[in-house]
Full PDB file with SEQRES, HELIX, SHEET, SSBOND, CRYST1, ORIGX, SCALE, CONECT and MASTER records, all heavy atoms in Angstrom:
SEQRES   1 A   33  LEU GLN LEU PRO GLU GLY ARG GLY PHE PRO MET ILE GLY          
SEQRES   2 A   33  LEU ALA VAL GLY ALA GLY CYS ILE VAL HIS LEU LEU GLY          
SEQRES   3 A   33  ASP ILE ILE THR ARG ALA GLY                                  
HELIX    1 AA1 GLU A    5  ILE A   28  1                                  24    
CRYST1    1.000    1.000    1.000  90.00  90.00  90.00 P 1           1          
ORIGX1      1.000000  0.000000  0.000000        0.00000                         
ORIGX2      0.000000  1.000000  0.000000        0.00000                         
ORIGX3      0.000000  0.000000  1.000000        0.00000                         
SCALE1      1.000000  0.000000  0.000000        0.00000                         
SCALE2      0.000000  1.000000  0.000000        0.00000                         
SCALE3      0.000000  0.000000  1.000000        0.00000                         
ATOM      1  N   LEU A   1      16.263 176.518  11.228  1.00  0.00           N  
ATOM      2  CA  LEU A   1      16.558 175.443  12.165  1.00  0.00           C  
ATOM      3  C   LEU A   1      16.999 174.165  11.456  1.00  0.00           C  
ATOM      4  O   LEU A   1      17.720 173.348  12.023  1.00  0.00           O  
ATOM      5  CB  LEU A   1      15.325 175.146  13.026  1.00  0.00           C  
ATOM      6  CG  LEU A   1      14.866 176.263  13.964  1.00  0.00           C  
ATOM      7  CD1 LEU A   1      13.612 175.830  14.706  1.00  0.00           C  
ATOM      8  CD2 LEU A   1      15.969 176.647  14.941  1.00  0.00           C  
ATOM      9  N   GLN A   2      16.584 174.011  10.193  1.00  0.00           N  
ATOM     10  CA  GLN A   2      16.905 172.801   9.434  1.00  0.00           C  
ATOM     11  C   GLN A   2      18.085 172.979   8.478  1.00  0.00           C  
ATOM     12  O   GLN A   2      18.566 172.004   7.909  1.00  0.00           O  
ATOM     13  CB  GLN A   2      15.675 172.373   8.607  1.00  0.00           C  
ATOM     14  CG  GLN A   2      14.434 172.091   9.426  1.00  0.00           C  
ATOM     15  CD  GLN A   2      14.613 170.920  10.367  1.00  0.00           C  
ATOM     16  OE1 GLN A   2      15.241 169.921  10.015  1.00  0.00           O  
ATOM     17  NE2 GLN A   2      14.076 171.034  11.568  1.00  0.00           N  
ATOM     18  N   LEU A   3      18.550 174.203   8.318  1.00  0.00           N  
ATOM     19  CA  LEU A   3      19.554 174.488   7.299  1.00  0.00           C  
ATOM     20  C   LEU A   3      20.947 174.106   7.768  1.00  0.00           C  
ATOM     21  O   LEU A   3      21.401 174.564   8.811  1.00  0.00           O  
ATOM     22  CB  LEU A   3      19.527 175.977   6.956  1.00  0.00           C  
ATOM     23  CG  LEU A   3      20.326 176.436   5.736  1.00  0.00           C  
ATOM     24  CD1 LEU A   3      19.758 175.825   4.458  1.00  0.00           C  
ATOM     25  CD2 LEU A   3      20.282 177.962   5.638  1.00  0.00           C  
ATOM     26  N   PRO A   4      21.670 173.256   7.021  1.00  0.00           N  
ATOM     27  CA  PRO A   4      23.042 172.910   7.405  1.00  0.00           C  
ATOM     28  C   PRO A   4      23.966 174.105   7.208  1.00  0.00           C  
ATOM     29  O   PRO A   4      24.033 174.681   6.124  1.00  0.00           O  
ATOM     30  CB  PRO A   4      23.401 171.767   6.453  1.00  0.00           C  
ATOM     31  CG  PRO A   4      22.520 171.961   5.264  1.00  0.00           C  
ATOM     32  CD  PRO A   4      21.246 172.552   5.799  1.00  0.00           C  
ATOM     33  N   GLU A   5      24.695 174.484   8.239  1.00  0.00           N  
ATOM     34  CA  GLU A   5      25.495 175.705   8.200  1.00  0.00           C  
ATOM     35  C   GLU A   5      26.602 175.652   7.168  1.00  0.00           C  
ATOM     36  O   GLU A   5      26.862 176.614   6.462  1.00  0.00           O  
ATOM     37  CB  GLU A   5      26.090 175.976   9.581  1.00  0.00           C  
ATOM     38  CG  GLU A   5      26.890 177.268   9.650  1.00  0.00           C  
ATOM     39  CD  GLU A   5      27.309 177.586  11.069  1.00  0.00           C  
ATOM     40  OE1 GLU A   5      26.665 177.073  12.009  1.00  0.00           O  
ATOM     41  OE2 GLU A   5      28.272 178.349  11.237  1.00  0.00           O  
ATOM     42  N   GLY A   6      27.275 174.513   7.036  1.00  0.00           N  
ATOM     43  CA  GLY A   6      28.426 174.432   6.148  1.00  0.00           C  
ATOM     44  C   GLY A   6      28.103 174.697   4.696  1.00  0.00           C  
ATOM     45  O   GLY A   6      28.835 175.378   3.992  1.00  0.00           O  
ATOM     46  N   ARG A   7      26.975 174.158   4.204  1.00  0.00           N  
ATOM     47  CA  ARG A   7      26.647 174.294   2.790  1.00  0.00           C  
ATOM     48  C   ARG A   7      25.476 175.247   2.585  1.00  0.00           C  
ATOM     49  O   ARG A   7      25.208 175.656   1.466  1.00  0.00           O  
ATOM     50  CB  ARG A   7      26.297 172.923   2.210  1.00  0.00           C  
ATOM     51  CG  ARG A   7      27.490 172.003   2.122  1.00  0.00           C  
ATOM     52  CD  ARG A   7      27.079 170.581   1.828  1.00  0.00           C  
ATOM     53  NE  ARG A   7      26.496 170.420   0.513  1.00  0.00           N  
ATOM     54  CZ  ARG A   7      26.071 169.254   0.033  1.00  0.00           C  
ATOM     55  NH1 ARG A   7      26.159 168.173   0.773  1.00  0.00           N  
ATOM     56  NH2 ARG A   7      25.552 169.182  -1.175  1.00  0.00           N  
ATOM     57  N   GLY A   8      24.785 175.556   3.638  1.00  0.00           N  
ATOM     58  CA  GLY A   8      23.574 176.339   3.483  1.00  0.00           C  
ATOM     59  C   GLY A   8      23.792 177.796   3.156  1.00  0.00           C  
ATOM     60  O   GLY A   8      23.072 178.377   2.352  1.00  0.00           O  
ATOM     61  N   PHE A   9      24.816 178.417   3.767  1.00  0.00           N  
ATOM     62  CA  PHE A   9      24.996 179.846   3.585  1.00  0.00           C  
ATOM     63  C   PHE A   9      25.354 180.227   2.146  1.00  0.00           C  
ATOM     64  O   PHE A   9      24.737 181.118   1.571  1.00  0.00           O  
ATOM     65  CB  PHE A   9      26.038 180.375   4.568  1.00  0.00           C  
ATOM     66  CG  PHE A   9      25.586 180.331   6.006  1.00  0.00           C  
ATOM     67  CD1 PHE A   9      26.425 180.734   7.023  1.00  0.00           C  
ATOM     68  CD2 PHE A   9      24.308 179.890   6.344  1.00  0.00           C  
ATOM     69  CE1 PHE A   9      26.014 180.707   8.358  1.00  0.00           C  
ATOM     70  CE2 PHE A   9      23.888 179.854   7.668  1.00  0.00           C  
ATOM     71  CZ  PHE A   9      24.752 180.255   8.673  1.00  0.00           C  
ATOM     72  N   PRO A  10      26.358 179.587   1.527  1.00  0.00           N  
ATOM     73  CA  PRO A  10      26.648 179.907   0.126  1.00  0.00           C  
ATOM     74  C   PRO A  10      25.471 179.598  -0.792  1.00  0.00           C  
ATOM     75  O   PRO A  10      25.255 180.289  -1.790  1.00  0.00           O  
ATOM     76  CB  PRO A  10      27.854 179.025  -0.197  1.00  0.00           C  
ATOM     77  CG  PRO A  10      28.487 178.742   1.122  1.00  0.00           C  
ATOM     78  CD  PRO A  10      27.351 178.641   2.081  1.00  0.00           C  
ATOM     79  N   MET A  11      24.711 178.562  -0.471  1.00  0.00           N  
ATOM     80  CA  MET A  11      23.560 178.192  -1.283  1.00  0.00           C  
ATOM     81  C   MET A  11      22.527 179.307  -1.320  1.00  0.00           C  
ATOM     82  O   MET A  11      21.906 179.564  -2.354  1.00  0.00           O  
ATOM     83  CB  MET A  11      22.930 176.903  -0.740  1.00  0.00           C  
ATOM     84  CG  MET A  11      21.687 176.424  -1.491  1.00  0.00           C  
ATOM     85  SD  MET A  11      20.141 177.077  -0.785  1.00  0.00           S  
ATOM     86  CE  MET A  11      20.067 176.204   0.758  1.00  0.00           C  
ATOM     87  N   ILE A  12      22.348 180.014  -0.216  1.00  0.00           N  
ATOM     88  CA  ILE A  12      21.376 181.101  -0.168  1.00  0.00           C  
ATOM     89  C   ILE A  12      21.782 182.213  -1.137  1.00  0.00           C  
ATOM     90  O   ILE A  12      20.965 182.708  -1.914  1.00  0.00           O  
ATOM     91  CB  ILE A  12      21.242 181.646   1.265  1.00  0.00           C  
ATOM     92  CG1 ILE A  12      20.595 180.595   2.170  1.00  0.00           C  
ATOM     93  CG2 ILE A  12      20.408 182.927   1.281  1.00  0.00           C  
ATOM     94  CD1 ILE A  12      20.545 180.991   3.625  1.00  0.00           C  
ATOM     95  N   GLY A  13      23.040 182.615  -1.089  1.00  0.00           N  
ATOM     96  CA  GLY A  13      23.511 183.659  -1.995  1.00  0.00           C  
ATOM     97  C   GLY A  13      23.411 183.250  -3.448  1.00  0.00           C  
ATOM     98  O   GLY A  13      23.018 184.053  -4.304  1.00  0.00           O  
ATOM     99  N   LEU A  14      23.771 182.001  -3.743  1.00  0.00           N  
ATOM    100  CA  LEU A  14      23.677 181.506  -5.119  1.00  0.00           C  
ATOM    101  C   LEU A  14      22.235 181.533  -5.604  1.00  0.00           C  
ATOM    102  O   LEU A  14      21.960 181.910  -6.745  1.00  0.00           O  
ATOM    103  CB  LEU A  14      24.235 180.088  -5.194  1.00  0.00           C  
ATOM    104  CG  LEU A  14      24.167 179.402  -6.564  1.00  0.00           C  
ATOM    105  CD1 LEU A  14      24.982 180.179  -7.592  1.00  0.00           C  
ATOM    106  CD2 LEU A  14      24.658 177.961  -6.464  1.00  0.00           C  
ATOM    107  N   ALA A  15      21.303 181.146  -4.735  1.00  0.00           N  
ATOM    108  CA  ALA A  15      19.893 181.120  -5.118  1.00  0.00           C  
ATOM    109  C   ALA A  15      19.355 182.523  -5.374  1.00  0.00           C  
ATOM    110  O   ALA A  15      18.584 182.744  -6.315  1.00  0.00           O  
ATOM    111  CB  ALA A  15      19.071 180.426  -4.031  1.00  0.00           C  
ATOM    112  N   VAL A  16      19.777 183.488  -4.563  1.00  0.00           N  
ATOM    113  CA  VAL A  16      19.341 184.870  -4.769  1.00  0.00           C  
ATOM    114  C   VAL A  16      19.859 185.407  -6.105  1.00  0.00           C  
ATOM    115  O   VAL A  16      19.107 185.970  -6.905  1.00  0.00           O  
ATOM    116  CB  VAL A  16      19.818 185.777  -3.614  1.00  0.00           C  
ATOM    117  CG1 VAL A  16      19.538 187.249  -3.942  1.00  0.00           C  
ATOM    118  CG2 VAL A  16      19.121 185.403  -2.314  1.00  0.00           C  
ATOM    119  N   GLY A  17      21.159 185.232  -6.354  1.00  0.00           N  
ATOM    120  CA  GLY A  17      21.748 185.707  -7.607  1.00  0.00           C  
ATOM    121  C   GLY A  17      21.176 185.021  -8.819  1.00  0.00           C  
ATOM    122  O   GLY A  17      20.888 185.668  -9.841  1.00  0.00           O  
ATOM    123  N   ALA A  18      20.983 183.698  -8.724  1.00  0.00           N  
ATOM    124  CA  ALA A  18      20.410 182.950  -9.850  1.00  0.00           C  
ATOM    125  C   ALA A  18      19.001 183.422 -10.144  1.00  0.00           C  
ATOM    126  O   ALA A  18      18.603 183.543 -11.312  1.00  0.00           O  
ATOM    127  CB  ALA A  18      20.420 181.451  -9.538  1.00  0.00           C  
ATOM    128  N   GLY A  19      18.232 183.694  -9.097  1.00  0.00           N  
ATOM    129  CA  GLY A  19      16.876 184.194  -9.302  1.00  0.00           C  
ATOM    130  C   GLY A  19      16.855 185.511 -10.054  1.00  0.00           C  
ATOM    131  O   GLY A  19      16.030 185.720 -10.951  1.00  0.00           O  
ATOM    132  N   CYS A  20      17.775 186.416  -9.698  1.00  0.00           N  
ATOM    133  CA  CYS A  20      17.850 187.707 -10.392  1.00  0.00           C  
ATOM    134  C   CYS A  20      18.178 187.518 -11.870  1.00  0.00           C  
ATOM    135  O   CYS A  20      17.601 188.190 -12.734  1.00  0.00           O  
ATOM    136  CB  CYS A  20      18.911 188.593  -9.735  1.00  0.00           C  
ATOM    137  SG  CYS A  20      18.473 189.197  -8.087  1.00  0.00           S  
ATOM    138  N   ILE A  21      19.092 186.602 -12.172  1.00  0.00           N  
ATOM    139  CA  ILE A  21      19.469 186.355 -13.567  1.00  0.00           C  
ATOM    140  C   ILE A  21      18.298 185.757 -14.342  1.00  0.00           C  
ATOM    141  O   ILE A  21      18.038 186.119 -15.502  1.00  0.00           O  
ATOM    142  CB  ILE A  21      20.700 185.437 -13.634  1.00  0.00           C  
ATOM    143  CG1 ILE A  21      21.921 186.188 -13.093  1.00  0.00           C  
ATOM    144  CG2 ILE A  21      20.959 184.974 -15.076  1.00  0.00           C  
ATOM    145  CD1 ILE A  21      23.165 185.332 -12.992  1.00  0.00           C  
ATOM    146  N   VAL A  22      17.570 184.835 -13.716  1.00  0.00           N  
ATOM    147  CA  VAL A  22      16.390 184.259 -14.357  1.00  0.00           C  
ATOM    148  C   VAL A  22      15.367 185.354 -14.673  1.00  0.00           C  
ATOM    149  O   VAL A  22      14.723 185.337 -15.722  1.00  0.00           O  
ATOM    150  CB  VAL A  22      15.762 183.174 -13.459  1.00  0.00           C  
ATOM    151  CG1 VAL A  22      14.400 182.739 -14.000  1.00  0.00           C  
ATOM    152  CG2 VAL A  22      16.693 181.974 -13.365  1.00  0.00           C  
ATOM    153  N   HIS A  23      15.245 186.324 -13.785  1.00  0.00           N  
ATOM    154  CA  HIS A  23      14.351 187.459 -14.031  1.00  0.00           C  
ATOM    155  C   HIS A  23      14.759 188.218 -15.285  1.00  0.00           C  
ATOM    156  O   HIS A  23      13.921 188.560 -16.124  1.00  0.00           O  
ATOM    157  CB  HIS A  23      14.356 188.398 -12.828  1.00  0.00           C  
ATOM    158  CG  HIS A  23      13.427 189.566 -12.959  1.00  0.00           C  
ATOM    159  ND1 HIS A  23      12.257 189.668 -12.246  1.00  0.00           N  
ATOM    160  CD2 HIS A  23      13.481 190.689 -13.734  1.00  0.00           C  
ATOM    161  CE1 HIS A  23      11.627 190.786 -12.572  1.00  0.00           C  
ATOM    162  NE2 HIS A  23      12.364 191.435 -13.474  1.00  0.00           N  
ATOM    163  N   LEU A  24      16.053 188.489 -15.415  1.00  0.00           N  
ATOM    164  CA  LEU A  24      16.543 189.217 -16.590  1.00  0.00           C  
ATOM    165  C   LEU A  24      16.240 188.450 -17.870  1.00  0.00           C  
ATOM    166  O   LEU A  24      15.800 189.034 -18.872  1.00  0.00           O  
ATOM    167  CB  LEU A  24      18.048 189.454 -16.474  1.00  0.00           C  
ATOM    168  CG  LEU A  24      18.548 190.281 -15.282  1.00  0.00           C  
ATOM    169  CD1 LEU A  24      20.045 190.512 -15.396  1.00  0.00           C  
ATOM    170  CD2 LEU A  24      17.813 191.589 -15.158  1.00  0.00           C  
ATOM    171  N   LEU A  25      16.459 187.143 -17.838  1.00  0.00           N  
ATOM    172  CA  LEU A  25      16.182 186.325 -19.026  1.00  0.00           C  
ATOM    173  C   LEU A  25      14.695 186.349 -19.367  1.00  0.00           C  
ATOM    174  O   LEU A  25      14.317 186.357 -20.541  1.00  0.00           O  
ATOM    175  CB  LEU A  25      16.653 184.888 -18.786  1.00  0.00           C  
ATOM    176  CG  LEU A  25      18.156 184.699 -18.587  1.00  0.00           C  
ATOM    177  CD1 LEU A  25      18.482 183.245 -18.244  1.00  0.00           C  
ATOM    178  CD2 LEU A  25      18.926 185.145 -19.831  1.00  0.00           C  
ATOM    179  N   GLY A  26      13.865 186.364 -18.345  1.00  0.00           N  
ATOM    180  CA  GLY A  26      12.429 186.434 -18.587  1.00  0.00           C  
ATOM    181  C   GLY A  26      12.017 187.747 -19.223  1.00  0.00           C  
ATOM    182  O   GLY A  26      11.163 187.777 -20.121  1.00  0.00           O  
ATOM    183  N   ASP A  27      12.615 188.846 -18.787  1.00  0.00           N  
ATOM    184  CA  ASP A  27      12.264 190.154 -19.347  1.00  0.00           C  
ATOM    185  C   ASP A  27      12.873 190.366 -20.731  1.00  0.00           C  
ATOM    186  O   ASP A  27      12.379 191.188 -21.511  1.00  0.00           O  
ATOM    187  CB  ASP A  27      12.713 191.279 -18.409  1.00  0.00           C  
ATOM    188  CG  ASP A  27      11.723 191.502 -17.276  1.00  0.00           C  
ATOM    189  OD1 ASP A  27      10.618 190.915 -17.326  1.00  0.00           O  
ATOM    190  OD2 ASP A  27      12.047 192.249 -16.330  1.00  0.00           O  
ATOM    191  N   ILE A  28      13.939 189.651 -21.052  1.00  0.00           N  
ATOM    192  CA  ILE A  28      14.552 189.785 -22.371  1.00  0.00           C  
ATOM    193  C   ILE A  28      13.608 189.301 -23.470  1.00  0.00           C  
ATOM    194  O   ILE A  28      13.638 189.805 -24.596  1.00  0.00           O  
ATOM    195  CB  ILE A  28      15.900 189.022 -22.424  1.00  0.00           C  
ATOM    196  CG1 ILE A  28      16.999 189.873 -21.790  1.00  0.00           C  
ATOM    197  CG2 ILE A  28      16.291 188.670 -23.858  1.00  0.00           C  
ATOM    198  CD1 ILE A  28      18.353 189.203 -21.768  1.00  0.00           C  
ATOM    199  N   ILE A  29      12.756 188.337 -23.162  1.00  0.00           N  
ATOM    200  CA  ILE A  29      11.855 187.813 -24.192  1.00  0.00           C  
ATOM    201  C   ILE A  29      10.617 188.682 -24.374  1.00  0.00           C  
ATOM    202  O   ILE A  29       9.754 188.372 -25.186  1.00  0.00           O  
ATOM    203  CB  ILE A  29      11.437 186.358 -23.900  1.00  0.00           C  
ATOM    204  CG1 ILE A  29      10.569 186.280 -22.646  1.00  0.00           C  
ATOM    205  CG2 ILE A  29      12.653 185.474 -23.766  1.00  0.00           C  
ATOM    206  CD1 ILE A  29      10.015 184.890 -22.370  1.00  0.00           C  
ATOM    207  N   THR A  30      10.525 189.784 -23.622  1.00  0.00           N  
ATOM    208  CA  THR A  30       9.428 190.740 -23.820  1.00  0.00           C  
ATOM    209  C   THR A  30       9.894 191.871 -24.726  1.00  0.00           C  
ATOM    210  O   THR A  30      11.083 192.017 -25.001  1.00  0.00           O  
ATOM    211  CB  THR A  30       8.950 191.313 -22.477  1.00  0.00           C  
ATOM    212  OG1 THR A  30      10.010 192.085 -21.878  1.00  0.00           O  
ATOM    213  CG2 THR A  30       8.554 190.198 -21.521  1.00  0.00           C  
ATOM    214  N   ARG A  31       8.957 192.675 -25.175  1.00  0.00           N  
ATOM    215  CA  ARG A  31       9.278 193.743 -26.129  1.00  0.00           C  
ATOM    216  C   ARG A  31      10.150 194.834 -25.517  1.00  0.00           C  
ATOM    217  O   ARG A  31      10.995 195.410 -26.192  1.00  0.00           O  
ATOM    218  CB  ARG A  31       7.982 194.347 -26.667  1.00  0.00           C  
ATOM    219  CG  ARG A  31       7.174 193.384 -27.516  1.00  0.00           C  
ATOM    220  CD  ARG A  31       5.886 194.007 -28.009  1.00  0.00           C  
ATOM    221  NE  ARG A  31       5.123 193.063 -28.832  1.00  0.00           N  
ATOM    222  CZ  ARG A  31       3.932 193.319 -29.337  1.00  0.00           C  
ATOM    223  NH1 ARG A  31       3.345 194.489 -29.110  1.00  0.00           N  
ATOM    224  NH2 ARG A  31       3.308 192.401 -30.069  1.00  0.00           N  
ATOM    225  N   ALA A  32       9.946 195.127 -24.239  1.00  0.00           N  
ATOM    226  CA  ALA A  32      10.687 196.231 -23.621  1.00  0.00           C  
ATOM    227  C   ALA A  32      12.160 195.899 -23.441  1.00  0.00           C  
ATOM    228  O   ALA A  32      13.027 196.760 -23.574  1.00  0.00           O  
ATOM    229  CB  ALA A  32      10.058 196.597 -22.279  1.00  0.00           C  
ATOM    230  N   GLY A  33      12.484 194.632 -23.134  1.00  0.00           N  
ATOM    231  CA  GLY A  33      13.866 194.234 -22.948  1.00  0.00           C  
ATOM    232  C   GLY A  33      14.467 194.752 -21.657  1.00  0.00           C  
ATOM    233  O   GLY A  33      13.795 195.363 -20.829  1.00  0.00           O  
TER     234      GLY A  33                                                      
MASTER        0    0    0    1    0    0    0    6  233    1    0    3          
END                                                                             
């Protein structure tokens, strides 16, 4: 209800993709890789 339609939709996709990449970077610093 609060999300601005014009900028909100692309922002959601960017946030999802960025989160996945951050996950990969986090697992890279572990032994399993």
